[in-house]
């Protein structure tokens, strides 16, 4: 598959492909060989991860009272700079 990808990239640079075809070739190349340099994963404190979980995963119209109860239990005095 590596040789085929190289052939496609050479054809893309040699011929004038329209935007859609060029995007398809680039997409296939990036899917098969992702870029080596990736952004480092952000490391958050466990309390912040839990808050994100409550807000983005658990919170719905039906779970508002439970989520508020859990948020009120958190040690906000210790993490005042995040507020």
Protein backbone atom coordinates (compact mmCIF):
# COMPACT_ATOMS: atom_id res chain seq x y z
CA UNK A 1 0.00 0.00 0.00
CA UNK A 2 2.93 2.31 0.61
CA UNK A 3 4.02 2.17 -3.03
CA UNK A 4 0.49 2.88 -4.22
CA UNK A 5 0.26 5.90 -1.95
CA UNK A 6 3.53 7.24 -3.33
CA UNK A 7 2.22 6.77 -6.88
CA UNK A 8 -0.97 8.64 -6.06
CA UNK A 9 0.95 11.50 -4.48
CA UNK A 10 3.24 11.76 -7.50
CA UNK A 11 0.23 11.76 -9.85
CA UNK A 12 -1.45 14.41 -7.75
CA UNK A 13 1.56 16.68 -7.99
CA UNK A 14 2.16 15.95 -11.68
CA UNK A 15 -1.41 16.41 -12.93
CA UNK A 16 -3.82 19.22 -12.36
CA UNK A 17 -6.52 17.53 -10.31
CA UNK A 18 -9.63 19.39 -9.30
CA UNK A 19 -10.04 20.28 -5.65
CA UNK A 20 -12.26 17.33 -4.76
CA UNK A 21 -9.90 14.73 -6.23
CA UNK A 22 -6.86 16.34 -4.62
CA UNK A 23 -8.66 16.38 -1.27
CA UNK A 24 -9.53 12.68 -1.67
CA UNK A 25 -5.91 11.76 -2.37
CA UNK A 26 -4.72 13.80 0.62
CA UNK A 27 -7.40 12.23 2.83
CA UNK A 28 -6.40 8.71 1.84
CA UNK A 29 -2.74 9.48 2.41
CA UNK A 30 -3.41 10.95 5.87
CA UNK A 31 -5.68 8.03 6.79
CA UNK A 32 -3.06 5.44 5.87
CA UNK A 33 -0.05 7.38 7.14
CA UNK A 34 -1.09 9.80 9.86
CA UNK A 35 1.27 12.68 10.61
CA UNK A 36 4.04 11.70 13.01
CA UNK A 37 3.85 14.85 15.09
CA UNK A 38 0.66 14.93 17.07
CA UNK A 39 -0.31 17.40 19.73
CA UNK A 40 0.35 16.13 23.25
CA UNK A 41 -2.74 15.11 25.17
CA UNK A 42 -3.75 17.70 27.71
CA UNK A 43 -3.46 16.43 31.26
CA UNK A 44 -6.11 17.88 33.55
CA UNK A 45 -6.47 17.42 37.29
CA UNK A 46 -8.97 14.71 38.28
CA UNK A 47 -11.42 17.25 39.71
CA UNK A 48 -11.55 19.13 36.41
CA UNK A 49 -11.98 15.86 34.50
CA UNK A 50 -14.89 14.97 36.78
CA UNK A 51 -16.50 18.39 36.23
CA UNK A 52 -16.13 17.98 32.47
CA UNK A 53 -17.67 14.52 32.71
CA UNK A 54 -20.65 15.84 34.67
CA UNK A 55 -21.27 18.73 32.32
CA UNK A 56 -20.62 17.13 28.94
CA UNK A 57 -21.63 13.49 29.49
CA UNK A 58 -24.14 13.34 32.33
CA UNK A 59 -25.99 16.66 32.16
CA UNK A 60 -29.41 16.50 30.49
CA UNK A 61 -32.73 18.15 31.20
CA UNK A 62 -33.67 15.21 33.42
CA UNK A 63 -30.41 15.07 35.40
CA UNK A 64 -30.00 18.75 36.32
CA UNK A 65 -30.79 18.29 40.05
CA UNK A 66 -28.38 15.35 40.43
CA UNK A 67 -25.57 17.13 38.57
CA UNK A 68 -26.05 20.29 40.63
CA UNK A 69 -25.93 18.24 43.81
CA UNK A 70 -22.64 16.65 42.73
CA UNK A 71 -21.16 20.02 41.69
CA UNK A 72 -22.07 21.57 45.03
CA UNK A 73 -20.24 18.77 46.86
CA UNK A 74 -16.92 19.64 45.21
CA UNK A 75 -14.21 21.46 47.20
CA UNK A 76 -14.59 24.84 45.49
CA UNK A 77 -12.47 26.70 48.07
CA UNK A 78 -9.42 24.66 47.06
CA UNK A 79 -9.96 25.27 43.34
CA UNK A 80 -10.98 28.92 43.37
CA UNK A 81 -8.58 29.89 40.58
CA UNK A 82 -10.51 27.71 38.09
CA UNK A 83 -13.82 29.42 38.78
